[in-house]
N, C-alpha and C. Protein backbone atom coordinates (compact mmCIF):
# COMPACT_ATOMS: atom_id res chain seq x y z
N MET A 1 -17.62 -362.32 -39.65
CA MET A 1 -17.30 -361.26 -40.18
C MET A 1 -17.07 -361.29 -41.73
N LEU A 2 -17.38 -360.55 -42.53
CA LEU A 2 -16.43 -360.65 -43.68
C LEU A 2 -15.45 -359.36 -44.31
N VAL A 3 -14.31 -359.68 -44.72
CA VAL A 3 -13.24 -359.22 -45.23
C VAL A 3 -13.42 -358.95 -46.63
N ILE A 4 -13.49 -358.16 -47.28
CA ILE A 4 -13.40 -357.77 -48.68
C ILE A 4 -12.06 -356.52 -48.84
N ASN A 5 -10.99 -357.37 -49.93
CA ASN A 5 -10.04 -356.79 -50.11
C ASN A 5 -10.11 -356.39 -51.84
N ILE A 6 -9.83 -354.99 -52.01
CA ILE A 6 -10.21 -354.38 -53.42
C ILE A 6 -8.92 -353.87 -53.46
N TYR A 7 -7.97 -354.42 -54.46
CA TYR A 7 -6.89 -353.42 -55.60
C TYR A 7 -7.80 -352.93 -56.68
N TYR A 8 -7.29 -351.44 -56.49
CA TYR A 8 -7.92 -350.32 -57.09
C TYR A 8 -6.39 -350.58 -58.01
N THR A 9 -6.69 -350.41 -59.67
CA THR A 9 -5.21 -350.05 -59.69
C THR A 9 -5.51 -349.21 -61.19
N GLY A 10 -4.31 -348.21 -61.27
CA GLY A 10 -4.37 -346.81 -62.34
C GLY A 10 -3.73 -346.43 -63.06
N LYS A 11 -3.17 -345.59 -63.57
CA LYS A 11 -1.87 -344.76 -63.94
C LYS A 11 -1.89 -343.67 -63.88
N ASP A 12 -0.80 -343.08 -63.59
CA ASP A 12 -0.40 -341.61 -63.14
C ASP A 12 -0.66 -341.24 -61.87
N GLY A 13 -0.93 -341.99 -60.59
CA GLY A 13 -1.02 -341.64 -59.59
C GLY A 13 -2.74 -341.74 -59.02
N SER A 14 -3.40 -342.12 -60.34
CA SER A 14 -4.63 -341.56 -60.03
C SER A 14 -5.17 -343.08 -59.40
N ALA A 15 -4.49 -343.97 -59.16
CA ALA A 15 -5.24 -344.39 -57.57
C ALA A 15 -5.06 -344.12 -56.21
N ARG A 16 -3.84 -343.59 -55.85
CA ARG A 16 -3.56 -343.03 -54.99
C ARG A 16 -5.09 -341.31 -55.09
N ALA A 17 -5.15 -340.81 -56.37
CA ALA A 17 -5.68 -339.57 -56.25
C ALA A 17 -7.56 -340.08 -55.99
N PHE A 18 -7.46 -341.04 -55.78
CA PHE A 18 -9.05 -342.06 -55.69
C PHE A 18 -9.23 -341.55 -54.45
N ALA A 19 -8.27 -342.54 -53.72
CA ALA A 19 -8.22 -343.16 -52.04
C ALA A 19 -8.41 -341.07 -51.99
N LYS A 20 -7.88 -340.27 -52.15
CA LYS A 20 -7.79 -339.17 -51.29
C LYS A 20 -8.61 -338.41 -51.49
N GLU A 21 -9.41 -338.26 -52.74
CA GLU A 21 -10.69 -337.74 -52.99
C GLU A 21 -11.75 -338.64 -51.91
N MET A 22 -12.11 -339.69 -51.40
CA MET A 22 -13.15 -340.49 -51.20
C MET A 22 -12.33 -340.10 -49.74
N THR A 23 -11.52 -339.58 -49.28
CA THR A 23 -11.07 -339.31 -47.77
C THR A 23 -11.71 -338.17 -47.22
N GLU A 24 -10.95 -336.86 -48.57
CA GLU A 24 -11.70 -335.75 -48.51
C GLU A 24 -13.28 -335.58 -48.50
N SER A 25 -13.71 -336.04 -49.57
CA SER A 25 -14.79 -335.98 -49.72
C SER A 25 -16.10 -336.14 -48.52
N GLY A 26 -15.53 -337.36 -47.56
CA GLY A 26 -16.33 -337.40 -46.37
C GLY A 26 -16.76 -339.02 -46.79
N LEU A 27 -16.58 -339.58 -47.73
CA LEU A 27 -17.40 -341.05 -48.17
C LEU A 27 -17.06 -341.92 -47.05
N VAL A 28 -15.41 -341.89 -46.95
CA VAL A 28 -14.93 -342.70 -46.21
C VAL A 28 -15.29 -343.02 -44.61
N ASP A 29 -15.41 -341.37 -44.17
CA ASP A 29 -16.10 -341.45 -42.86
C ASP A 29 -17.29 -342.14 -42.86
N ARG A 30 -18.37 -341.87 -44.10
CA ARG A 30 -19.28 -342.05 -43.96
C ARG A 30 -20.10 -343.45 -43.80
N ILE A 31 -18.97 -344.02 -44.63
CA ILE A 31 -18.75 -345.64 -44.94
C ILE A 31 -18.50 -346.02 -43.36
N ARG A 32 -17.77 -346.01 -42.94
CA ARG A 32 -17.27 -346.22 -41.05
C ARG A 32 -18.23 -345.81 -40.22
N GLN A 33 -19.48 -345.31 -40.68
CA GLN A 33 -20.09 -345.02 -39.62
C GLN A 33 -21.66 -345.60 -40.13
N GLU A 34 -21.34 -346.36 -40.64
CA GLU A 34 -22.63 -347.49 -41.48
C GLU A 34 -22.71 -348.59 -40.39
N GLU A 35 -24.13 -348.94 -40.47
CA GLU A 35 -24.49 -349.98 -39.14
C GLU A 35 -23.61 -351.07 -39.76
N GLY A 36 -23.01 -352.34 -38.97
CA GLY A 36 -22.22 -352.99 -39.35
C GLY A 36 -20.60 -352.84 -40.08
N ASN A 37 -19.99 -351.80 -40.12
CA ASN A 37 -18.84 -351.80 -41.12
C ASN A 37 -17.50 -351.85 -39.19
N LEU A 38 -16.94 -352.65 -39.84
CA LEU A 38 -15.88 -352.95 -39.19
C LEU A 38 -14.81 -352.70 -39.28
N GLY A 39 -14.44 -351.95 -40.37
CA GLY A 39 -13.06 -351.39 -40.99
C GLY A 39 -13.23 -350.96 -42.38
N TYR A 40 -12.57 -349.49 -42.76
CA TYR A 40 -12.25 -349.20 -44.04
C TYR A 40 -11.07 -348.55 -44.44
N GLU A 41 -10.10 -349.15 -45.01
CA GLU A 41 -8.97 -348.48 -44.32
C GLU A 41 -8.11 -348.57 -46.07
N TYR A 42 -7.63 -347.66 -46.73
CA TYR A 42 -6.57 -348.07 -47.73
C TYR A 42 -5.12 -348.16 -47.30
N PHE A 43 -4.23 -348.91 -48.02
CA PHE A 43 -3.26 -349.21 -48.51
C PHE A 43 -2.35 -348.99 -49.02
N PHE A 44 -0.96 -348.73 -49.31
CA PHE A 44 -0.54 -348.45 -50.45
C PHE A 44 1.02 -349.55 -50.67
N PRO A 45 0.89 -350.57 -51.46
CA PRO A 45 1.82 -351.47 -52.11
C PRO A 45 3.16 -350.81 -51.72
N VAL A 46 4.24 -351.49 -51.55
CA VAL A 46 5.32 -350.99 -51.57
C VAL A 46 5.99 -350.72 -52.88
N ASP A 47 5.66 -352.17 -53.54
CA ASP A 47 5.99 -352.90 -54.94
C ASP A 47 5.54 -352.49 -55.95
N HIS A 48 3.94 -351.87 -55.86
CA HIS A 48 3.15 -351.48 -56.51
C HIS A 48 2.66 -350.32 -56.85
N GLU A 49 3.39 -349.01 -57.06
CA GLU A 49 2.89 -347.68 -57.04
C GLU A 49 1.70 -347.11 -57.72
N GLU A 50 0.95 -347.93 -58.46
CA GLU A 50 0.04 -347.43 -58.95
C GLU A 50 -1.29 -348.08 -59.06
N THR A 51 -1.14 -349.32 -57.44
CA THR A 51 -2.25 -349.97 -56.93
C THR A 51 -2.26 -349.14 -55.59
N ILE A 52 -3.58 -349.26 -55.07
CA ILE A 52 -3.75 -348.90 -53.70
C ILE A 52 -4.63 -349.95 -53.05
N LEU A 53 -4.66 -350.68 -52.02
CA LEU A 53 -5.70 -351.96 -51.83
C LEU A 53 -6.39 -351.39 -50.39
N LEU A 54 -8.05 -351.23 -50.54
CA LEU A 54 -8.85 -351.21 -49.68
C LEU A 54 -9.11 -352.29 -48.95
N ILE A 55 -8.81 -352.51 -47.05
CA ILE A 55 -9.61 -353.68 -46.38
C ILE A 55 -10.74 -353.25 -45.88
N ASP A 56 -11.92 -354.08 -46.33
CA ASP A 56 -13.07 -353.18 -46.54
C ASP A 56 -13.53 -354.04 -45.67
N LYS A 57 -14.08 -354.53 -43.94
CA LYS A 57 -14.86 -355.00 -43.06
C LYS A 57 -15.75 -354.91 -42.56
N TRP A 58 -17.07 -355.86 -42.67
CA TRP A 58 -18.41 -356.17 -42.22
C TRP A 58 -18.73 -357.24 -41.05
N LYS A 59 -19.46 -356.61 -40.52
CA LYS A 59 -20.15 -357.49 -39.63
C LYS A 59 -20.80 -359.03 -39.70
N ASN A 60 -21.27 -358.60 -41.22
CA ASN A 60 -22.27 -359.71 -41.57
C ASN A 60 -22.73 -359.26 -43.36
N GLN A 61 -22.87 -360.14 -43.95
CA GLN A 61 -23.43 -359.93 -45.51
C GLN A 61 -24.59 -358.86 -45.25
N GLU A 62 -25.51 -358.97 -44.73
CA GLU A 62 -26.80 -357.85 -44.38
C GLU A 62 -26.08 -356.93 -44.84
N ALA A 63 -25.23 -356.55 -43.55
CA ALA A 63 -24.48 -355.26 -43.80
C ALA A 63 -24.18 -355.13 -45.06
N LEU A 64 -23.39 -355.75 -45.21
CA LEU A 64 -22.44 -355.29 -46.57
C LEU A 64 -23.66 -355.43 -48.15
N ASP A 65 -24.66 -356.19 -48.18
CA ASP A 65 -26.01 -356.06 -48.87
C ASP A 65 -26.65 -354.10 -48.71
N PHE A 66 -27.04 -353.97 -47.65
CA PHE A 66 -27.20 -352.81 -47.32
C PHE A 66 -26.30 -351.68 -47.71
N HIS A 67 -24.94 -351.76 -47.44
CA HIS A 67 -23.89 -350.89 -47.61
C HIS A 67 -24.57 -350.29 -49.11
N HIS A 68 -23.83 -351.92 -50.14
CA HIS A 68 -24.22 -352.16 -51.78
C HIS A 68 -25.65 -350.72 -52.36
N LYS A 69 -26.25 -351.10 -51.08
CA LYS A 69 -28.10 -350.21 -51.74
C LYS A 69 -27.50 -348.83 -51.75
N THR A 70 -26.39 -348.60 -51.12
CA THR A 70 -26.82 -347.02 -50.44
C THR A 70 -26.15 -345.74 -51.99
N ASP A 71 -26.53 -345.01 -51.54
CA ASP A 71 -26.28 -343.71 -52.61
C ASP A 71 -24.67 -343.59 -52.36
N MET A 72 -24.29 -343.91 -52.04
CA MET A 72 -22.55 -343.84 -51.13
C MET A 72 -21.89 -344.89 -52.50
N MET A 73 -22.50 -345.65 -53.22
CA MET A 73 -21.60 -346.99 -54.31
C MET A 73 -21.97 -345.99 -55.23
N LYS A 74 -22.76 -345.41 -55.37
CA LYS A 74 -23.01 -344.38 -56.77
C LYS A 74 -21.61 -343.57 -57.06
N GLN A 75 -21.77 -342.95 -55.51
CA GLN A 75 -20.91 -342.07 -55.78
C GLN A 75 -19.26 -342.47 -56.03
N ILE A 76 -19.17 -343.74 -55.27
CA ILE A 76 -17.66 -344.37 -55.39
C ILE A 76 -17.79 -345.02 -56.83
N ALA A 77 -18.46 -345.51 -57.69
CA ALA A 77 -18.94 -345.85 -59.29
C ALA A 77 -18.11 -344.96 -60.38
N VAL A 78 -19.12 -343.44 -59.85
CA VAL A 78 -18.03 -342.22 -60.57
C VAL A 78 -16.82 -341.92 -60.16
N LEU A 79 -16.49 -342.28 -59.41
CA LEU A 79 -15.17 -341.81 -58.84
C LEU A 79 -14.28 -342.67 -59.94
N ARG A 80 -14.41 -344.04 -59.35
CA ARG A 80 -13.61 -345.35 -60.05
C ARG A 80 -13.44 -344.85 -61.35
N GLU A 81 -14.81 -343.82 -62.06
CA GLU A 81 -15.06 -344.03 -63.45
C GLU A 81 -13.88 -342.59 -63.98
N LYS A 82 -13.99 -342.05 -62.94
CA LYS A 82 -13.12 -340.35 -63.33
C LYS A 82 -11.65 -340.41 -63.06
N TYR A 83 -11.25 -342.20 -62.27
CA TYR A 83 -10.19 -342.01 -62.28
C TYR A 83 -9.70 -343.53 -63.16
N LYS A 84 -10.51 -343.84 -64.08
CA LYS A 84 -10.49 -345.07 -65.10
C LYS A 84 -9.13 -346.51 -63.87
N LEU A 85 -9.76 -346.27 -62.86
CA LEU A 85 -9.46 -347.83 -62.26
C LEU A 85 -10.02 -348.73 -62.68
N LYS A 86 -8.99 -349.92 -62.24
CA LYS A 86 -9.32 -351.43 -63.06
C LYS A 86 -9.58 -351.87 -61.55
N MET A 87 -10.16 -352.67 -61.08
CA MET A 87 -10.14 -353.80 -60.04
C MET A 87 -9.81 -355.01 -59.50
N LYS A 88 -9.44 -355.59 -58.57
CA LYS A 88 -9.29 -357.02 -58.06
C LYS A 88 -9.91 -357.14 -56.83
N VAL A 89 -10.76 -357.99 -56.55
CA VAL A 89 -11.32 -358.26 -55.45
C VAL A 89 -11.10 -359.71 -54.98
N GLU A 90 -11.00 -359.40 -53.60
CA GLU A 90 -10.56 -360.61 -52.74
C GLU A 90 -11.77 -361.27 -51.67
N ARG A 91 -12.48 -361.70 -50.96
CA ARG A 91 -13.21 -361.76 -50.54
C ARG A 91 -13.39 -362.68 -49.26
N TYR A 92 -13.16 -362.96 -48.05
CA TYR A 92 -12.55 -363.83 -46.97
C TYR A 92 -14.15 -363.75 -45.76
N GLN A 93 -14.49 -365.06 -45.20
CA GLN A 93 -15.37 -365.09 -44.23
C GLN A 93 -14.47 -365.61 -42.85
N GLY A 94 -14.69 -364.73 -41.87
CA GLY A 94 -14.02 -365.26 -40.70
C GLY A 94 -14.93 -365.16 -39.46
N GLU A 95 -14.90 -365.58 -38.72
CA GLU A 95 -15.46 -365.29 -37.25
C GLU A 95 -15.62 -364.12 -37.02
């Protein structure tokens, strides 16, 4: 299993607005339905109001690679740009 933690940081509530649009647009549900997706959840750190954490879990590298080639990735990139977010990525591999 792969676990990808992505910290999105913005200004004036933009990170939370990004997560809200991702959810309301249906992108989150579509990602969760992809073959090999084991979880896709947003969290809000208590001590960093301008940051959200995405915990993204995949069965294996092949499933993640397939996800990265989908049109959804282009839509996510457009939204990241729209909200002017910075990203920090952590990657963990488990069993």
